[in-house]
Amino acid sequence: MTREIIVSILESEGAEGKGGTFKIPEAREASCFISNPGDLLAVTRVVKVDLKEQFLTLTTSKDERFAFSYQDVLGFKMAAASQAKDRSAGFSR
């Protein structure tokens, strides 16, 4: 995938970008799919995407950072952020 396509995807999903850094809105949950020989890697809960000249870095909600070349990026999944459910301990009254 090219840098221009990634920028287009992120902007269309409401990510705020400045200087090659895009922050995913809190109302969205992003995943990025990476091509690996014979495998597919999904980086989930992406909160920030940094676009460099030859590669991009993905930062997750756990403050993990992953770096990949643009050609390895297959796509993004954007979804509504998951809501914490109000659950009881299993006892009903």
Protein backbone atom coordinates (compact mmCIF):
# COMPACT_ATOMS: atom_id res chain seq x y z
CA MET A 1 0.00 0.00 0.00
CA THR A 2 1.33 3.48 -0.74
CA ARG A 3 1.71 6.34 1.71
CA GLU A 4 -0.91 8.35 -0.22
CA ILE A 5 -3.51 5.59 0.11
CA ILE A 6 -2.85 5.29 3.85
CA VAL A 7 -3.24 9.06 4.30
CA SER A 8 -6.50 8.95 2.34
CA ILE A 9 -7.86 6.10 4.48
CA LEU A 10 -6.92 7.76 7.77
CA GLU A 11 -8.33 11.15 6.77
CA SER A 12 -11.59 9.62 5.56
CA GLU A 13 -12.00 7.92 8.95
CA GLY A 14 -11.56 11.18 10.86
CA ALA A 15 -7.98 10.72 12.06
CA GLU A 16 -6.31 14.02 12.86
CA GLY A 17 -3.01 14.36 11.04
CA LYS A 18 -0.17 16.82 11.44
CA GLY A 19 3.35 16.42 10.12
CA GLY A 20 2.87 12.78 9.15
CA THR A 21 1.43 11.75 12.53
CA PHE A 22 -2.20 10.65 12.66
CA LYS A 23 -4.12 10.13 15.89
CA ILE A 24 -7.09 7.78 15.76
CA PRO A 25 -10.19 9.35 17.38
CA GLU A 26 -11.27 7.79 20.69
CA ALA A 27 -14.66 7.00 19.15
CA ARG A 28 -12.92 4.64 16.67
CA GLU A 29 -10.96 1.43 17.13
CA ALA A 30 -8.35 0.74 14.46
CA SER A 31 -6.54 -2.42 13.39
CA CYS A 32 -3.85 -2.70 10.73
CA PHE A 33 -3.22 -5.83 8.68
CA ILE A 34 0.36 -6.63 7.70
CA SER A 35 1.54 -9.07 5.03
CA ASN A 36 4.11 -11.56 6.21
CA PRO A 37 5.40 -14.42 4.02
CA GLY A 38 2.90 -17.22 4.59
CA ASP A 39 1.10 -15.36 7.36
CA LEU A 40 -1.06 -12.35 8.19
CA LEU A 41 -0.30 -10.13 11.19
CA ALA A 42 -3.06 -8.01 12.73
CA VAL A 43 -1.99 -5.09 14.91
CA THR A 44 -5.04 -4.19 17.00
CA ARG A 45 -6.04 -1.14 19.03
CA VAL A 46 -3.89 1.25 17.04
CA VAL A 47 -4.07 4.77 18.50
CA LYS A 48 -1.38 6.54 16.45
CA VAL A 49 0.15 6.12 12.99
CA ASP A 50 3.46 7.84 12.17
CA LEU A 51 4.28 8.05 8.46
CA LYS A 52 8.01 8.24 7.73
CA GLU A 53 9.70 8.40 4.33
CA GLN A 54 10.26 4.65 3.87
CA PHE A 55 8.12 3.09 6.62
CA LEU A 56 5.33 3.65 9.12
CA THR A 57 5.09 3.05 12.85
CA LEU A 58 1.94 1.94 14.65
CA THR A 59 1.44 2.75 18.33
CA THR A 60 -1.14 0.71 20.25
CA SER A 61 -3.21 1.52 23.32
CA LYS A 62 -0.68 -0.53 25.34
CA ASP A 63 2.08 1.85 24.14
CA GLU A 64 3.61 -0.85 21.93
CA ARG A 65 5.31 0.38 18.75
CA PHE A 66 5.52 -1.59 15.52
CA ALA A 67 7.41 -0.48 12.39
CA PHE A 68 6.65 -1.78 8.88
CA SER A 69 7.48 -0.85 5.30
CA TYR A 70 4.59 0.57 3.29
CA GLN A 71 4.61 -2.41 0.92
CA ASP A 72 3.81 -4.78 3.83
CA VAL A 73 0.58 -2.96 4.79
CA LEU A 74 -2.51 -4.72 3.42
CA GLY A 75 -5.24 -2.59 4.97
CA PHE A 76 -6.97 -1.10 7.98
CA LYS A 77 -10.10 -2.01 9.90
CA MET A 78 -11.93 0.86 11.57
CA ALA A 79 -14.77 0.15 13.99
CA ALA A 80 -16.71 1.89 16.70
CA ALA A 81 -14.87 1.75 20.01
CA SER A 82 -16.04 -1.06 22.24
CA GLN A 83 -18.09 -0.01 25.25
CA ALA A 84 -17.56 -1.46 28.71
CA LYS A 85 -20.65 -3.47 29.60
CA ASP A 86 -22.34 -3.08 32.95
CA ARG A 87 -22.32 -6.62 34.25
CA SER A 88 -23.39 -8.05 37.53
CA ALA A 89 -21.67 -10.84 39.41
CA GLY A 90 -24.26 -13.31 38.12
CA PHE A 91 -26.66 -12.96 40.98
CA SER A 92 -30.12 -11.75 40.08
CA ARG A 93 -32.73 -10.22 42.33
